[in-house]
C-alpha atoms as a PDB file:
ATOM      1  CA  UNK A   1      -0.060  -0.131   0.466  1.00  0.00           C
ATOM      2  CA  UNK A   2       1.262   4.094  -1.508  1.00  0.00           C
ATOM      3  CA  UNK A   3       1.964   5.862   1.932  1.00  0.00           C
ATOM      4  CA  UNK A   4      -1.620   8.206   1.119  1.00  0.00           C
ATOM      5  CA  UNK A   5      -0.125  11.508   1.571  1.00  0.00           C
ATOM      6  CA  UNK A   6       1.505  11.221  -1.610  1.00  0.00           C
ATOM      7  CA  UNK A   7      -2.022  10.589  -3.208  1.00  0.00           C
ATOM      8  CA  UNK A   8      -3.702  12.713  -5.278  1.00  0.00           C
ATOM      9  CA  UNK A   9      -7.489  13.231  -2.833  1.00  0.00           C
ATOM     10  CA  UNK A  10     -10.181  10.977  -4.502  1.00  0.00           C
ATOM     11  CA  UNK A  11     -13.921  11.769  -4.456  1.00  0.00           C
ATOM     12  CA  UNK A  12     -16.262   9.261  -6.168  1.00  0.00           C
ATOM     13  CA  UNK A  13     -19.649   9.726  -6.940  1.00  0.00           C
ATOM     14  CA  UNK A  14     -21.906   6.155  -7.440  1.00  0.00           C
ATOM     15  CA  UNK A  15     -21.680   3.740  -5.094  1.00  0.00           C
ATOM     16  CA  UNK A  16     -23.756   0.630  -6.811  1.00  0.00           C
ATOM     17  CA  UNK A  17     -22.404  -2.768  -7.580  1.00  0.00           C
ATOM     18  CA  UNK A  18     -19.441  -1.449  -9.744  1.00  0.00           C
ATOM     19  CA  UNK A  19     -18.803   1.528  -7.795  1.00  0.00           C
ATOM     20  CA  UNK A  20     -18.390   0.161  -4.672  1.00  0.00           C
ATOM     21  CA  UNK A  21     -15.872  -2.533  -6.055  1.00  0.00           C
ATOM     22  CA  UNK A  22     -13.842   0.632  -7.614  1.00  0.00           C
ATOM     23  CA  UNK A  23     -13.784   3.102  -4.606  1.00  0.00           C
ATOM     24  CA  UNK A  24     -12.516  -0.724  -2.296  1.00  0.00           C
ATOM     25  CA  UNK A  25      -9.729  -1.028  -5.502  1.00  0.00           C
ATOM     26  CA  UNK A  26      -8.214   2.773  -4.803  1.00  0.00           C
ATOM     27  CA  UNK A  27      -8.449   2.396  -0.617  1.00  0.00           C
ATOM     28  CA  UNK A  28      -6.270  -0.706  -0.883  1.00  0.00           C
ATOM     29  CA  UNK A  29      -3.985   1.703  -3.235  1.00  0.00           C
ATOM     30  CA  UNK A  30      -3.249   4.052  -0.670  1.00  0.00           C
ATOM     31  CA  UNK A  31      -5.879   6.745  -2.203  1.00  0.00           C
ATOM     32  CA  UNK A  32      -7.905   8.832  -0.472  1.00  0.00           C
ATOM     33  CA  UNK A  33     -11.587   8.933  -0.969  1.00  0.00           C
ATOM     34  CA  UNK A  34     -13.775  10.791  -0.178  1.00  0.00           C
ATOM     35  CA  UNK A  35     -17.341   9.593  -1.701  1.00  0.00           C
ATOM     36  CA  UNK A  36     -21.500  10.549  -2.446  1.00  0.00           C
ATOM     37  CA  UNK A  37     -24.512   9.200  -3.515  1.00  0.00           C
ATOM     38  CA  UNK A  38     -28.585   9.462  -3.926  1.00  0.00           C
ATOM     39  CA  UNK A  39     -29.438   6.577  -1.676  1.00  0.00           C
ATOM     40  CA  UNK A  40     -26.555   7.332   1.907  1.00  0.00           C
ATOM     41  CA  UNK A  41     -26.856   3.166   2.860  1.00  0.00           C
ATOM     42  CA  UNK A  42     -25.137   1.964  -0.345  1.00  0.00           C
ATOM     43  CA  UNK A  43     -22.068   3.886   1.678  1.00  0.00           C
ATOM     44  CA  UNK A  44     -21.638   1.838   4.567  1.00  0.00           C
ATOM     45  CA  UNK A  45     -20.591  -0.754   1.488  1.00  0.00           C
ATOM     46  CA  UNK A  46     -16.665   1.687   1.395  1.00  0.00           C
ATOM     47  CA  UNK A  47     -16.832   3.540   4.937  1.00  0.00           C
ATOM     48  CA  UNK A  48     -14.945   0.888   7.014  1.00  0.00           C
ATOM     49  CA  UNK A  49     -12.766   0.159   4.770  1.00  0.00           C
ATOM     50  CA  UNK A  50     -11.680   3.661   4.885  1.00  0.00           C
ATOM     51  CA  UNK A  51     -13.373   6.230   2.788  1.00  0.00           C
ATOM     52  CA  UNK A  52     -15.312   9.066   3.971  1.00  0.00           C
ATOM     53  CA  UNK A  53     -18.640  10.859   3.660  1.00  0.00           C
ATOM     54  CA  UNK A  54     -19.702  14.468   1.628  1.00  0.00           C
ATOM     55  CA  UNK A  55     -23.517  15.341   1.546  1.00  0.00           C
ATOM     56  CA  UNK A  56     -23.458  16.979  -1.677  1.00  0.00           C
ATOM     57  CA  UNK A  57     -21.134  16.212  -4.910  1.00  0.00           C
ATOM     58  CA  UNK A  58     -19.668  19.336  -4.564  1.00  0.00           C
ATOM     59  CA  UNK A  59     -18.436  19.118  -1.182  1.00  0.00           C
ATOM     60  CA  UNK A  60     -16.750  15.608  -1.990  1.00  0.00           C
ATOM     61  CA  UNK A  61     -15.339  18.558  -5.718  1.00  0.00           C
ATOM     62  CA  UNK A  62     -14.542  20.947  -3.085  1.00  0.00           C
ATOM     63  CA  UNK A  63     -12.141  18.419  -1.606  1.00  0.00           C
ATOM     64  CA  UNK A  64     -10.906  16.831  -4.246  1.00  0.00           C
ATOM     65  CA  UNK A  65      -8.004  16.585  -7.005  1.00  0.00           C
ATOM     66  CA  UNK A  66      -9.461  14.045  -9.390  1.00  0.00           C
ATOM     67  CA  UNK A  67     -14.018  13.281  -8.849  1.00  0.00           C
ATOM     68  CA  UNK A  68     -14.616  10.339 -10.630  1.00  0.00           C
ATOM     69  CA  UNK A  69     -18.509   8.952 -11.299  1.00  0.00           C
ATOM     70  CA  UNK A  70     -20.188   5.247 -11.852  1.00  0.00           C
ATOM     71  CA  UNK A  71     -23.927   6.939 -11.397  1.00  0.00           C
ATOM     72  CA  UNK A  72     -26.488   4.980 -13.366  1.00  0.00           C
ATOM     73  CA  UNK A  73     -27.629   7.013 -17.111  1.00  0.00           C
ATOM     74  CA  UNK A  74     -26.543  10.523 -18.718  1.00  0.00           C
ATOM     75  CA  UNK A  75     -29.838  12.089 -17.068  1.00  0.00           C
ATOM     76  CA  UNK A  76     -26.942  11.326 -13.359  1.00  0.00           C
ATOM     77  CA  UNK A  77     -24.445  11.990 -14.451  1.00  0.00           C
ATOM     78  CA  UNK A  78     -25.815  16.243 -15.411  1.00  0.00           C
ATOM     79  CA  UNK A  79     -27.826  16.134 -11.923  1.00  0.00           C
ATOM     80  CA  UNK A  80     -24.094  15.205 -10.409  1.00  0.00           C
ATOM     81  CA  UNK A  81     -22.379  17.796 -12.147  1.00  0.00           C
ATOM     82  CA  UNK A  82     -23.688  20.849 -13.563  1.00  0.00           C
ATOM     83  CA  UNK A  83     -26.905  20.722 -10.579  1.00  0.00           C
ATOM     84  CA  UNK A  84     -27.161  22.856  -7.556  1.00  0.00           C
ATOM     85  CA  UNK A  85     -25.508  20.766  -5.889  1.00  0.00           C
ATOM     86  CA  UNK A  86     -22.692  19.333  -8.156  1.00  0.00           C
ATOM     87  CA  UNK A  87     -18.811  19.489  -8.839  1.00  0.00           C
ATOM     88  CA  UNK A  88     -19.803  22.686 -11.085  1.00  0.00           C
ATOM     89  CA  UNK A  89     -20.937  24.526  -7.839  1.00  0.00           C
ATOM     90  CA  UNK A  90     -17.160  23.842  -5.923  1.00  0.00           C
ATOM     91  CA  UNK A  91     -16.123  26.356  -8.828  1.00  0.00           C
ATOM     92  CA  UNK A  92     -12.361  25.908  -8.948  1.00  0.00           C
ATOM     93  CA  UNK A  93     -12.046  21.739  -6.925  1.00  0.00           C
ATOM     94  CA  UNK A  94     -10.859  19.900  -9.206  1.00  0.00           C
ATOM     95  CA  UNK A  95      -8.804  19.339 -11.676  1.00  0.00           C
ATOM     96  CA  UNK A  96     -10.036  16.559 -13.572  1.00  0.00           C
ATOM     97  CA  UNK A  97     -13.322  14.528 -13.643  1.00  0.00           C
ATOM     98  CA  UNK A  98     -13.083  10.929 -14.962  1.00  0.00           C
ATOM     99  CA  UNK A  99     -16.665   9.605 -15.588  1.00  0.00           C
ATOM    100  CA  UNK A 100     -17.037   6.004 -15.312  1.00  0.00           C
ATOM    101  CA  UNK A 101     -20.623   5.833 -16.425  1.00  0.00           C
ATOM    102  CA  UNK A 102     -22.350   4.348 -19.359  1.00  0.00           C
ATOM    103  CA  UNK A 103     -23.595   8.342 -20.788  1.00  0.00           C
ATOM    104  CA  UNK A 104     -24.959   9.503 -23.622  1.00  0.00           C
ATOM    105  CA  UNK A 105     -22.058  10.344 -26.147  1.00  0.00           C
ATOM    106  CA  UNK A 106     -23.751  13.576 -26.924  1.00  0.00           C
ATOM    107  CA  UNK A 107     -25.092  14.467 -24.051  1.00  0.00           C
ATOM    108  CA  UNK A 108     -20.957  13.474 -22.111  1.00  0.00           C
ATOM    109  CA  UNK A 109     -19.927  16.092 -24.619  1.00  0.00           C
ATOM    110  CA  UNK A 110     -22.445  18.985 -23.588  1.00  0.00           C
ATOM    111  CA  UNK A 111     -20.837  18.447 -19.554  1.00  0.00           C
ATOM    112  CA  UNK A 112     -18.434  17.917 -20.809  1.00  0.00           C
ATOM    113  CA  UNK A 113     -17.445  21.402 -22.368  1.00  0.00           C
ATOM    114  CA  UNK A 114     -20.410  23.496 -19.754  1.00  0.00           C
ATOM    115  CA  UNK A 115     -17.571  21.797 -16.864  1.00  0.00           C
ATOM    116  CA  UNK A 116     -14.554  23.224 -18.317  1.00  0.00           C
ATOM    117  CA  UNK A 117     -16.144  25.663 -18.995  1.00  0.00           C
ATOM    118  CA  UNK A 118     -17.308  26.857 -14.717  1.00  0.00           C
ATOM    119  CA  UNK A 119     -14.093  25.787 -13.656  1.00  0.00           C
ATOM    120  CA  UNK A 120     -11.877  24.536 -16.246  1.00  0.00           C
ATOM    121  CA  UNK A 121     -12.086  20.765 -14.819  1.00  0.00           C
ATOM    122  CA  UNK A 122     -11.063  18.206 -18.583  1.00  0.00           C
ATOM    123  CA  UNK A 123     -13.089  15.436 -18.365  1.00  0.00           C
ATOM    124  CA  UNK A 124     -12.275  11.993 -19.069  1.00  0.00           C
ATOM    125  CA  UNK A 125     -15.262   9.360 -20.427  1.00  0.00           C
ATOM    126  CA  UNK A 126     -13.772   6.265 -19.412  1.00  0.00           C
ATOM    127  CA  UNK A 127     -17.063   3.841 -19.436  1.00  0.00           C
ATOM    128  CA  UNK A 128     -15.912   0.544 -18.108  1.00  0.00           C
ATOM    129  CA  UNK A 129     -16.366  -3.370 -18.996  1.00  0.00           C
ATOM    130  CA  UNK A 130     -15.473  -6.407 -16.590  1.00  0.00           C
ATOM    131  CA  UNK A 131     -17.107  -6.272 -13.980  1.00  0.00           C
ATOM    132  CA  UNK A 132     -17.374  -5.973 -10.195  1.00  0.00           C
ATOM    133  CA  UNK A 133     -15.093  -9.376  -9.757  1.00  0.00           C
ATOM    134  CA  UNK A 134     -12.560  -7.518 -12.607  1.00  0.00           C
ATOM    135  CA  UNK A 135     -12.682  -4.205 -10.760  1.00  0.00           C
ATOM    136  CA  UNK A 136     -12.196  -5.019  -7.658  1.00  0.00           C
ATOM    137  CA  UNK A 137      -9.054  -6.680  -8.477  1.00  0.00           C
ATOM    138  CA  UNK A 138      -7.876  -3.666 -10.874  1.00  0.00           C
ATOM    139  CA  UNK A 139      -8.724  -5.831 -14.533  1.00  0.00           C
ATOM    140  CA  UNK A 140     -11.347  -4.091 -16.010  1.00  0.00           C
ATOM    141  CA  UNK A 141     -11.326  -2.592 -19.517  1.00  0.00           C
ATOM    142  CA  UNK A 142     -11.303   1.055 -19.601  1.00  0.00           C
ATOM    143  CA  UNK A 143     -12.276   2.262 -23.482  1.00  0.00           C
ATOM    144  CA  UNK A 144     -11.697   6.457 -22.581  1.00  0.00           C
ATOM    145  CA  UNK A 145     -12.497   9.532 -24.545  1.00  0.00           C
ATOM    146  CA  UNK A 146     -10.988  12.876 -23.597  1.00  0.00           C
ATOM    147  CA  UNK A 147      -8.137  14.529 -25.028  1.00  0.00           C
ATOM    148  CA  UNK A 148      -4.101  14.089 -24.576  1.00  0.00           C
ATOM    149  CA  UNK A 149      -3.215  16.315 -22.129  1.00  0.00           C
ATOM    150  CA  UNK A 150      -6.489  14.533 -19.771  1.00  0.00           C
ATOM    151  CA  UNK A 151      -5.833  11.070 -20.441  1.00  0.00           C
ATOM    152  CA  UNK A 152      -2.063  11.599 -19.338  1.00  0.00           C
ATOM    153  CA  UNK A 153      -2.893  13.261 -16.722  1.00  0.00           C
ATOM    154  CA  UNK A 154      -5.637  10.297 -15.503  1.00  0.00           C
ATOM    155  CA  UNK A 155      -4.053   7.467 -16.469  1.00  0.00           C
ATOM    156  CA  UNK A 156      -1.427   6.659 -13.951  1.00  0.00           C
ATOM    157  CA  UNK A 157      -4.463   5.496 -12.000  1.00  0.00           C
ATOM    158  CA  UNK A 158      -6.617   4.072 -14.055  1.00  0.00           C
ATOM    159  CA  UNK A 159      -3.629   2.439 -14.943  1.00  0.00           C
ATOM    160  CA  UNK A 160      -3.645   0.537 -11.658  1.00  0.00           C
ATOM    161  CA  UNK A 161      -7.351   0.033 -12.018  1.00  0.00           C
ATOM    162  CA  UNK A 162      -7.886  -0.904 -15.147  1.00  0.00           C
ATOM    163  CA  UNK A 163      -5.998  -4.499 -16.581  1.00  0.00           C
ATOM    164  CA  UNK A 164      -7.088  -2.769 -20.491  1.00  0.00           C
ATOM    165  CA  UNK A 165      -6.994   0.653 -21.753  1.00  0.00           C
ATOM    166  CA  UNK A 166      -7.330   2.930 -24.265  1.00  0.00           C
ATOM    167  CA  UNK A 167      -7.998   5.776 -25.560  1.00  0.00           C
ATOM    168  CA  UNK A 168     -10.269   6.044 -28.942  1.00  0.00           C
ATOM    169  CA  UNK A 169     -10.477   9.579 -29.582  1.00  0.00           C
ATOM    170  CA  UNK A 170     -11.425  12.985 -28.661  1.00  0.00           C
ATOM    171  CA  UNK A 171     -14.106  13.882 -25.428  1.00  0.00           C
ATOM    172  CA  UNK A 172     -17.765  11.073 -25.812  1.00  0.00           C
ATOM    173  CA  UNK A 173     -15.383   8.854 -27.917  1.00  0.00           C
ATOM    174  CA  UNK A 174     -14.833   6.101 -24.725  1.00  0.00           C
ATOM    175  CA  UNK A 175     -19.124   6.849 -24.576  1.00  0.00           C
ATOM    176  CA  UNK A 176     -20.068   5.349 -28.031  1.00  0.00           C
ATOM    177  CA  UNK A 177     -16.992   2.980 -27.787  1.00  0.00           C
ATOM    178  CA  UNK A 178     -19.465   1.546 -24.822  1.00  0.00           C
ATOM    179  CA  UNK A 179     -22.439   1.134 -27.064  1.00  0.00           C
ATOM    180  CA  UNK A 180     -20.385  -1.067 -29.512  1.00  0.00           C
ATOM    181  CA  UNK A 181     -19.382  -3.070 -26.122  1.00  0.00           C
ATOM    182  CA  UNK A 182     -23.185  -3.285 -25.360  1.00  0.00           C
ATOM    183  CA  UNK A 183     -23.700  -3.783 -28.894  1.00  0.00           C
ATOM    184  CA  UNK A 184     -21.552  -6.711 -28.460  1.00  0.00           C
ATOM    185  CA  UNK A 185     -22.591  -8.156 -24.634  1.00  0.00           C
ATOM    186  CA  UNK A 186     -26.422  -7.265 -24.728  1.00  0.00           C
ATOM    187  CA  UNK A 187     -27.079  -9.227 -28.050  1.00  0.00           C
ATOM    188  CA  UNK A 188     -23.519 -11.799 -26.729  1.00  0.00           C
ATOM    189  CA  UNK A 189     -26.295 -12.656 -23.382  1.00  0.00           C
ATOM    190  CA  UNK A 190     -28.728 -13.678 -25.912  1.00  0.00           C
ATOM    191  CA  UNK A 191     -26.487 -15.869 -27.780  1.00  0.00           C
ATOM    192  CA  UNK A 192     -25.642 -18.118 -24.135  1.00  0.00           C
ATOM    193  CA  UNK A 193     -28.720 -18.393 -23.126  1.00  0.00           C
ATOM    194  CA  UNK A 194     -30.172 -19.511 -26.267  1.00  0.00           C
ATOM    195  CA  UNK A 195     -27.319 -21.893 -27.125  1.00  0.00           C
ATOM    196  CA  UNK A 196     -27.715 -22.996 -22.666  1.00  0.00           C
ATOM    197  CA  UNK A 197     -31.096 -23.870 -23.701  1.00  0.00           C
ATOM    198  CA  UNK A 198     -29.990 -26.016 -26.815  1.00  0.00           C
ATOM    199  CA  UNK A 199     -27.606 -27.727 -24.891  1.00  0.00           C
ATOM    200  CA  UNK A 200     -29.729 -28.942 -21.982  1.00  0.00           C
ATOM    201  CA  UNK A 201     -33.863 -29.577 -24.614  1.00  0.00           C
ATOM    202  CA  UNK A 202     -30.658 -31.892 -26.316  1.00  0.00           C
ATOM    203  CA  UNK A 203     -29.799 -34.346 -23.575  1.00  0.00           C
ATOM    204  CA  UNK A 204     -25.712 -33.207 -23.732  1.00  0.00           C
ATOM    205  CA  UNK A 205     -23.977 -32.831 -20.802  1.00  0.00           C
ATOM    206  CA  UNK A 206     -24.616 -28.613 -20.999  1.00  0.00           C
ATOM    207  CA  UNK A 207     -21.663 -27.936 -18.527  1.00  0.00           C
ATOM    208  CA  UNK A 208     -19.005 -29.017 -20.727  1.00  0.00           C
ATOM    209  CA  UNK A 209     -19.924 -26.938 -23.783  1.00  0.00           C
ATOM    210  CA  UNK A 210     -17.088 -24.575 -23.062  1.00  0.00           C
ATOM    211  CA  UNK A 211     -14.288 -26.723 -22.643  1.00  0.00           C
ATOM    212  CA  UNK A 212     -14.969 -28.344 -25.828  1.00  0.00           C
ATOM    213  CA  UNK A 213     -15.425 -25.338 -27.975  1.00  0.00           C
ATOM    214  CA  UNK A 214     -12.249 -23.746 -26.294  1.00  0.00           C
ATOM    215  CA  UNK A 215      -9.401 -22.417 -28.247  1.00  0.00           C
ATOM    216  CA  UNK A 216     -12.528 -22.522 -31.673  1.00  0.00           C
ATOM    217  CA  UNK A 217     -14.418 -19.421 -33.078  1.00  0.00           C
ATOM    218  CA  UNK A 218     -17.289 -20.007 -31.082  1.00  0.00           C
ATOM    219  CA  UNK A 219     -14.509 -19.737 -28.120  1.00  0.00           C
ATOM    220  CA  UNK A 220     -14.920 -16.641 -25.531  1.00  0.00           C
ATOM    221  CA  UNK A 221     -15.135 -14.309 -22.237  1.00  0.00           C
ATOM    222  CA  UNK A 222     -19.354 -15.203 -22.639  1.00  0.00           C
ATOM    223  CA  UNK A 223     -18.679 -18.318 -23.736  1.00  0.00           C
ATOM    224  CA  UNK A 224     -15.928 -18.838 -20.160  1.00  0.00           C
ATOM    225  CA  UNK A 225     -17.350 -16.742 -17.862  1.00  0.00           C
ATOM    226  CA  UNK A 226     -21.027 -15.779 -18.583  1.00  0.00           C
ATOM    227  CA  UNK A 227     -22.264 -19.497 -19.803  1.00  0.00           C
ATOM    228  CA  UNK A 228     -20.988 -21.204 -16.912  1.00  0.00           C
ATOM    229  CA  UNK A 229     -23.285 -18.327 -14.822  1.00  0.00           C
ATOM    230  CA  UNK A 230     -25.974 -19.376 -16.609  1.00  0.00           C
ATOM    231  CA  UNK A 231     -25.624 -23.804 -16.867  1.00  0.00           C
ATOM    232  CA  UNK A 232     -25.529 -23.519 -12.358  1.00  0.00           C
ATOM    233  CA  UNK A 233     -28.163 -21.081 -13.049  1.00  0.00           C
ATOM    234  CA  UNK A 234     -25.786 -18.299 -10.345  1.00  0.00           C
ATOM    235  CA  UNK A 235     -27.332 -15.590 -10.345  1.00  0.00           C
ATOM    236  CA  UNK A 236     -27.258 -14.509  -6.665  1.00  0.00           C
ATOM    237  CA  UNK A 237     -26.411 -11.887  -5.464  1.00  0.00           C
ATOM    238  CA  UNK A 238     -26.470 -10.322  -8.435  1.00  0.00           C
ATOM    239  CA  UNK A 239     -23.237  -8.183 -10.574  1.00  0.00           C
ATOM    240  CA  UNK A 240     -25.762  -6.751 -12.680  1.00  0.00           C
ATOM    241  CA  UNK A 241     -28.803  -5.493 -13.506  1.00  0.00           C
ATOM    242  CA  UNK A 242     -31.416  -6.752 -16.717  1.00  0.00           C
ATOM    243  CA  UNK A 243     -32.653  -2.661 -16.264  1.00  0.00           C
ATOM    244  CA  UNK A 244     -28.533  -1.498 -16.998  1.00  0.00           C
ATOM    245  CA  UNK A 245     -28.111  -3.975 -19.424  1.00  0.00           C
ATOM    246  CA  UNK A 246     -31.786  -3.078 -20.700  1.00  0.00           C
ATOM    247  CA  UNK A 247     -30.990   0.394 -20.622  1.00  0.00           C
ATOM    248  CA  UNK A 248     -27.317  -0.064 -22.236  1.00  0.00           C
ATOM    249  CA  UNK A 249     -29.529  -1.723 -25.420  1.00  0.00           C
ATOM    250  CA  UNK A 250     -32.144   0.890 -25.725  1.00  0.00           C
ATOM    251  CA  UNK A 251     -28.915   3.289 -26.348  1.00  0.00           C
ATOM    252  CA  UNK A 252     -26.647   0.566 -29.289  1.00  0.00           C
ATOM    253  CA  UNK A 253     -30.398   1.637 -31.002  1.00  0.00           C
ATOM    254  CA  UNK A 254     -31.455   4.921 -29.960  1.00  0.00           C
ATOM    255  CA  UNK A 255     -27.332   5.315 -31.353  1.00  0.00           C
ATOM    256  CA  UNK A 256     -27.182   3.048 -34.502  1.00  0.00           C
ATOM    257  CA  UNK A 257     -30.762   4.447 -35.818  1.00  0.00           C
ATOM    258  CA  UNK A 258     -29.422   7.744 -34.898  1.00  0.00           C
ATOM    259  CA  UNK A 259     -26.859   6.811 -38.170  1.00  0.00           C
ATOM    260  CA  UNK A 260     -29.370   5.645 -40.445  1.00  0.00           C
ATOM    261  CA  UNK A 261     -28.540   1.402 -39.496  1.00  0.00           C
ATOM    262  CA  UNK A 262     -30.846  -0.983 -39.191  1.00  0.00           C
ATOM    263  CA  UNK A 263     -29.187  -3.519 -37.307  1.00  0.00           C
ATOM    264  CA  UNK A 264     -31.893  -6.299 -36.516  1.00  0.00           C
ATOM    265  CA  UNK A 265     -29.975  -8.537 -34.398  1.00  0.00           C
ATOM    266  CA  UNK A 266     -29.529  -5.390 -31.513  1.00  0.00           C
ATOM    267  CA  UNK A 267     -33.031  -4.625 -31.853  1.00  0.00           C
ATOM    268  CA  UNK A 268     -34.428  -8.794 -31.512  1.00  0.00           C
ATOM    269  CA  UNK A 269     -31.711  -7.965 -28.224  1.00  0.00           C
ATOM    270  CA  UNK A 270     -33.047  -5.109 -26.922  1.00  0.00           C
ATOM    271  CA  UNK A 271     -36.361  -6.958 -27.271  1.00  0.00           C
ATOM    272  CA  UNK A 272     -35.516 -10.161 -25.695  1.00  0.00           C
ATOM    273  CA  UNK A 273     -34.630  -7.870 -21.920  1.00  0.00           C
ATOM    274  CA  UNK A 274     -37.678  -5.859 -22.185  1.00  0.00           C
ATOM    275  CA  UNK A 275     -39.876  -9.300 -22.253  1.00  0.00           C
ATOM    276  CA  UNK A 276     -37.880 -10.301 -19.619  1.00  0.00           C
ATOM    277  CA  UNK A 277     -37.725  -6.648 -17.637  1.00  0.00           C
ATOM    278  CA  UNK A 278     -41.525  -6.393 -18.536  1.00  0.00           C
ATOM    279  CA  UNK A 279     -41.911 -10.452 -16.737  1.00  0.00           C
ATOM    280  CA  UNK A 280     -41.270  -8.175 -13.157  1.00  0.00           C
ATOM    281  CA  UNK A 281     -36.715  -8.907 -13.428  1.00  0.00           C
ATOM    282  CA  UNK A 282     -35.527  -5.443 -13.264  1.00  0.00           C
ATOM    283  CA  UNK A 283     -33.207  -5.979 -10.317  1.00  0.00           C
ATOM    284  CA  UNK A 284     -32.783  -9.352 -11.272  1.00  0.00           C
ATOM    285  CA  UNK A 285     -29.096 -10.770 -12.614  1.00  0.00           C
ATOM    286  CA  UNK A 286     -28.729  -9.461 -16.983  1.00  0.00           C
ATOM    287  CA  UNK A 287     -27.508 -13.746 -16.611  1.00  0.00           C
ATOM    288  CA  UNK A 288     -30.291 -14.571 -15.792  1.00  0.00           C
ATOM    289  CA  UNK A 289     -32.613 -13.572 -18.825  1.00  0.00           C
ATOM    290  CA  UNK A 290     -32.750 -17.540 -19.324  1.00  0.00           C
ATOM    291  CA  UNK A 291     -34.750 -17.062 -16.897  1.00  0.00           C
ATOM    292  CA  UNK A 292     -37.097 -15.460 -19.692  1.00  0.00           C
ATOM    293  CA  UNK A 293     -36.260 -19.257 -22.298  1.00  0.00           C
ATOM    294  CA  UNK A 294     -37.142 -21.358 -18.883  1.00  0.00           C
ATOM    295  CA  UNK A 295     -39.852 -19.559 -19.550  1.00  0.00           C
ATOM    296  CA  UNK A 296     -41.764 -18.942 -22.684  1.00  0.00           C
ATOM    297  CA  UNK A 297     -40.783 -22.787 -22.497  1.00  0.00           C
ATOM    298  CA  UNK A 298     -43.703 -23.777 -19.948  1.00  0.00           C
ATOM    299  CA  UNK A 299     -46.450 -20.645 -21.296  1.00  0.00           C
ATOM    300  CA  UNK A 300     -45.820 -23.283 -24.276  1.00  0.00           C
ATOM    301  CA  UNK A 301     -46.504 -25.719 -22.438  1.00  0.00           C
ATOM    302  CA  UNK A 302     -50.014 -25.156 -20.708  1.00  0.00           C
ATOM    303  CA  UNK A 303     -51.259 -23.642 -24.228  1.00  0.00           C
ATOM    304  CA  UNK A 304     -50.647 -27.270 -26.272  1.00  0.00           C
END
């Protein structure tokens, strides 16, 4: 562990599943971290490990060199940064904001520009992939957008939180890359669920599929990490929420349509998650979408 007095002061806004894992990682590395969350009870996941609480995003920013965000959507980013008690209200505050949220590229550019105008702070949009386990161990993937100068400032810290960090272009480019990531992930979850249903219905040993297909064209982290979770029905506690993946897939669909594209596989993925969430599974694990197929099969059996 590094001496905390030599480390930049970190402010962290948004202590959800991923935010908690990232804050725990920063604390392990010796960074002093001040935290805020809309639902204050979530702070209890990080305060016992050395984080200190703040009453607002403005209070976080006022005592931080770098502010990090990991919140639910673009509206939350805008409120936390430009709202009445947001980061911008802290005056000079931090020199840099690193936004790990999955948000909107155009909205990100707008908020970053407004913050720069108000305080001079730089901005890196840095959406992540890999889930809380990899965030906790500093091995998550980060897709970044921002200026070369701001990226150079953010890189030494983010590299300690990520196994893979890539600057994809100016502000907003990280969010565009995350949209593409979520297109692959969201449709991949549906494909894994359908592959599992095929294997189980056909009567083969479904648990052996990842081992059997390892190294071939069908191999992937989805097959090796997600498929076994589905096959074992190991969904508690959730590592991600179905409502969140549905939100992301809707964003993929809207972005594609805005580019004049009609991407039918993605549209089917959106519909599958809409159907799953509609059954009351908003807060279920995203991987539990396989339950939708079990529900479909049971419904067909009743109507025969």
